[in-house]
């Protein structure tokens, strides 16, 4: 069972961690103030 994981902020560390978790097949919810950063993380 894959759990949804949430991140607040996609700075240097958050972006890397969220990307690795997405690549492992887990659903990820993110909140970031900058829409541009969110675009690079979405599938």
PDB file of N, CA and C in Angstrom:
ATOM      1  N   UNK A   1       0.840  -1.179   0.000  1.00  0.00           N
ATOM      2  CA  UNK A   1       0.000   0.000   0.000  1.00  0.00           C
ATOM      3  C   UNK A   1       0.886   1.243   0.000  1.00  0.00           C
ATOM      4  N   UNK A   2       0.685   2.108  -0.975  1.00  0.00           N
ATOM      5  CA  UNK A   2       1.460   3.340  -1.089  1.00  0.00           C
ATOM      6  C   UNK A   2       0.726   4.457  -0.361  1.00  0.00           C
ATOM      7  N   UNK A   3       1.444   5.169   0.482  1.00  0.00           N
ATOM      8  CA  UNK A   3       0.850   6.276   1.225  1.00  0.00           C
ATOM      9  C   UNK A   3       1.147   7.596   0.532  1.00  0.00           C
ATOM     10  N   UNK A   4       0.202   8.516   0.621  1.00  0.00           N
ATOM     11  CA  UNK A   4       0.412   9.855   0.089  1.00  0.00           C
ATOM     12  C   UNK A   4       1.280  10.633   1.066  1.00  0.00           C
ATOM     13  N   UNK A   5       2.276  11.305   0.527  1.00  0.00           N
ATOM     14  CA  UNK A   5       3.221  12.059   1.343  1.00  0.00           C
ATOM     15  C   UNK A   5       3.095  13.525   0.963  1.00  0.00           C
ATOM     16  N   UNK A   6       3.073  14.411   1.947  1.00  0.00           N
ATOM     17  CA  UNK A   6       2.933  15.838   1.701  1.00  0.00           C
ATOM     18  C   UNK A   6       4.198  16.608   2.009  1.00  0.00           C
ATOM     19  N   UNK A   7       4.446  17.648   1.228  1.00  0.00           N
ATOM     20  CA  UNK A   7       5.588  18.536   1.434  1.00  0.00           C
ATOM     21  C   UNK A   7       5.102  19.970   1.453  1.00  0.00           C
ATOM     22  N   UNK A   8       5.651  20.736   2.359  1.00  0.00           N
ATOM     23  CA  UNK A   8       5.412  22.174   2.381  1.00  0.00           C
ATOM     24  C   UNK A   8       6.738  22.822   2.024  1.00  0.00           C
ATOM     25  N   UNK A   9       6.774  23.430   0.877  1.00  0.00           N
ATOM     26  CA  UNK A   9       7.986  24.086   0.400  1.00  0.00           C
ATOM     27  C   UNK A   9       8.814  23.175  -0.490  1.00  0.00           C
ATOM     28  N   UNK A  10       9.174  23.691  -1.651  1.00  0.00           N
ATOM     29  CA  UNK A  10       9.993  22.924  -2.585  1.00  0.00           C
ATOM     30  C   UNK A  10      11.305  23.658  -2.839  1.00  0.00           C
ATOM     31  N   UNK A  11      11.976  23.960  -1.751  1.00  0.00           N
ATOM     32  CA  UNK A  11      13.306  24.557  -1.863  1.00  0.00           C
ATOM     33  C   UNK A  11      14.300  23.495  -2.287  1.00  0.00           C
ATOM     34  N   UNK A  12      15.556  23.725  -2.034  1.00  0.00           N
ATOM     35  CA  UNK A  12      16.611  22.799  -2.443  1.00  0.00           C
ATOM     36  C   UNK A  12      16.366  21.400  -1.889  1.00  0.00           C
ATOM     37  N   UNK A  13      16.090  21.283  -0.617  1.00  0.00           N
ATOM     38  CA  UNK A  13      15.917  19.970   0.002  1.00  0.00           C
ATOM     39  C   UNK A  13      14.547  19.366  -0.316  1.00  0.00           C
ATOM     40  N   UNK A  14      13.483  20.140  -0.210  1.00  0.00           N
ATOM     41  CA  UNK A  14      12.138  19.624  -0.446  1.00  0.00           C
ATOM     42  C   UNK A  14      11.932  19.137  -1.872  1.00  0.00           C
ATOM     43  N   UNK A  15      12.482  19.863  -2.836  1.00  0.00           N
ATOM     44  CA  UNK A  15      12.342  19.475  -4.243  1.00  0.00           C
ATOM     45  C   UNK A  15      13.012  18.132  -4.509  1.00  0.00           C
ATOM     46  N   UNK A  16      14.202  17.961  -3.978  1.00  0.00           N
ATOM     47  CA  UNK A  16      14.935  16.709  -4.173  1.00  0.00           C
ATOM     48  C   UNK A  16      14.214  15.535  -3.517  1.00  0.00           C
ATOM     49  N   UNK A  17      13.761  15.730  -2.287  1.00  0.00           N
ATOM     50  CA  UNK A  17      13.077  14.650  -1.570  1.00  0.00           C
ATOM     51  C   UNK A  17      11.765  14.287  -2.261  1.00  0.00           C
ATOM     52  N   UNK A  18      10.988  15.282  -2.659  1.00  0.00           N
ATOM     53  CA  UNK A  18       9.711  15.020  -3.327  1.00  0.00           C
ATOM     54  C   UNK A  18       9.927  14.290  -4.652  1.00  0.00           C
ATOM     55  N   UNK A  19      10.952  14.666  -5.394  1.00  0.00           N
ATOM     56  CA  UNK A  19      11.238  14.008  -6.672  1.00  0.00           C
ATOM     57  C   UNK A  19      11.594  12.540  -6.484  1.00  0.00           C
ATOM     58  N   UNK A  20      12.408  12.239  -5.476  1.00  0.00           N
ATOM     59  CA  UNK A  20      12.787  10.851  -5.212  1.00  0.00           C
ATOM     60  C   UNK A  20      11.564  10.015  -4.812  1.00  0.00           C
ATOM     61  N   UNK A  21      10.705  10.583  -4.002  1.00  0.00           N
ATOM     62  CA  UNK A  21       9.515   9.858  -3.553  1.00  0.00           C
ATOM     63  C   UNK A  21       8.559   9.628  -4.728  1.00  0.00           C
ATOM     64  N   UNK A  22       8.408  10.637  -5.602  1.00  0.00           N
ATOM     65  CA  UNK A  22       7.587  10.463  -6.804  1.00  0.00           C
ATOM     66  C   UNK A  22       8.153   9.360  -7.695  1.00  0.00           C
ATOM     67  N   UNK A  23       9.462   9.340  -7.853  1.00  0.00           N
ATOM     68  CA  UNK A  23      10.104   8.321  -8.693  1.00  0.00           C
ATOM     69  C   UNK A  23       9.925   6.920  -8.125  1.00  0.00           C
ATOM     70  N   UNK A  24       9.727   6.814  -6.814  1.00  0.00           N
ATOM     71  CA  UNK A  24       9.470   5.517  -6.186  1.00  0.00           C
ATOM     72  C   UNK A  24       8.009   5.095  -6.320  1.00  0.00           C
ATOM     73  N   UNK A  25       7.178   5.965  -6.911  1.00  0.00           N
ATOM     74  CA  UNK A  25       5.794   5.604  -7.185  1.00  0.00           C
ATOM     75  C   UNK A  25       4.787   6.017  -6.131  1.00  0.00           C
ATOM     76  N   UNK A  26       5.203   6.800  -5.142  1.00  0.00           N
ATOM     77  CA  UNK A  26       4.271   7.254  -4.110  1.00  0.00           C
ATOM     78  C   UNK A  26       3.572   8.533  -4.564  1.00  0.00           C
ATOM     79  N   UNK A  27       2.291   8.688  -4.240  1.00  0.00           N
ATOM     80  CA  UNK A  27       1.618   9.957  -4.511  1.00  0.00           C
ATOM     81  C   UNK A  27       2.162  11.035  -3.579  1.00  0.00           C
ATOM     82  N   UNK A  28       2.367  12.224  -4.121  1.00  0.00           N
ATOM     83  CA  UNK A  28       2.929  13.329  -3.339  1.00  0.00           C
ATOM     84  C   UNK A  28       2.045  14.556  -3.511  1.00  0.00           C
ATOM     85  N   UNK A  29       1.706  15.194  -2.401  1.00  0.00           N
ATOM     86  CA  UNK A  29       1.006  16.479  -2.411  1.00  0.00           C
ATOM     87  C   UNK A  29       2.013  17.541  -1.995  1.00  0.00           C
ATOM     88  N   UNK A  30       2.014  18.669  -2.709  1.00  0.00           N
ATOM     89  CA  UNK A  30       2.970  19.724  -2.368  1.00  0.00           C
ATOM     90  C   UNK A  30       2.268  21.064  -2.230  1.00  0.00           C
ATOM     91  N   UNK A  31       2.845  21.898  -1.392  1.00  0.00           N
ATOM     92  CA  UNK A  31       2.447  23.300  -1.316  1.00  0.00           C
ATOM     93  C   UNK A  31       3.718  24.117  -1.409  1.00  0.00           C
ATOM     94  N   UNK A  32       3.731  25.036  -2.331  1.00  0.00           N
ATOM     95  CA  UNK A  32       4.840  25.969  -2.443  1.00  0.00           C
ATOM     96  C   UNK A  32       4.285  27.299  -2.921  1.00  0.00           C
ATOM     97  N   UNK A  33       4.907  28.368  -2.503  1.00  0.00           N
ATOM     98  CA  UNK A  33       4.420  29.687  -2.897  1.00  0.00           C
ATOM     99  C   UNK A  33       4.707  29.988  -4.364  1.00  0.00           C
ATOM    100  N   UNK A  34       5.732  29.352  -4.915  1.00  0.00           N
ATOM    101  CA  UNK A  34       6.154  29.636  -6.281  1.00  0.00           C
ATOM    102  C   UNK A  34       5.599  28.589  -7.242  1.00  0.00           C
ATOM    103  N   UNK A  35       4.716  29.004  -8.140  1.00  0.00           N
ATOM    104  CA  UNK A  35       4.106  28.074  -9.096  1.00  0.00           C
ATOM    105  C   UNK A  35       5.152  27.443  -9.998  1.00  0.00           C
ATOM    106  N   UNK A  36       6.194  28.174 -10.338  1.00  0.00           N
ATOM    107  CA  UNK A  36       7.246  27.668 -11.216  1.00  0.00           C
ATOM    108  C   UNK A  36       7.910  26.425 -10.625  1.00  0.00           C
ATOM    109  N   UNK A  37       8.159  26.399  -9.333  1.00  0.00           N
ATOM    110  CA  UNK A  37       8.773  25.236  -8.682  1.00  0.00           C
ATOM    111  C   UNK A  37       7.833  24.039  -8.702  1.00  0.00           C
ATOM    112  N   UNK A  38       6.551  24.281  -8.566  1.00  0.00           N
ATOM    113  CA  UNK A  38       5.565  23.201  -8.556  1.00  0.00           C
ATOM    114  C   UNK A  38       5.494  22.523  -9.926  1.00  0.00           C
ATOM    115  N   UNK A  39       5.645  23.274 -11.001  1.00  0.00           N
ATOM    116  CA  UNK A  39       5.584  22.716 -12.354  1.00  0.00           C
ATOM    117  C   UNK A  39       6.673  21.678 -12.580  1.00  0.00           C
ATOM    118  N   UNK A  40       7.856  21.906 -12.042  1.00  0.00           N
ATOM    119  CA  UNK A  40       8.985  21.005 -12.272  1.00  0.00           C
ATOM    120  C   UNK A  40       8.849  19.696 -11.504  1.00  0.00           C
ATOM    121  N   UNK A  41       7.997  19.651 -10.518  1.00  0.00           N
ATOM    122  CA  UNK A  41       7.857  18.448  -9.700  1.00  0.00           C
ATOM    123  C   UNK A  41       6.679  17.589 -10.142  1.00  0.00           C
ATOM    124  N   UNK A  42       5.696  18.172 -10.812  1.00  0.00           N
ATOM    125  CA  UNK A  42       4.488  17.414 -11.165  1.00  0.00           C
ATOM    126  C   UNK A  42       4.749  16.447 -12.309  1.00  0.00           C
ATOM    127  N   UNK A  43       3.944  15.378 -12.315  1.00  0.00           N
ATOM    128  CA  UNK A  43       4.017  14.394 -13.403  1.00  0.00           C
ATOM    129  C   UNK A  43       2.853  14.588 -14.333  1.00  0.00           C
TER     130      UNK A  43
END
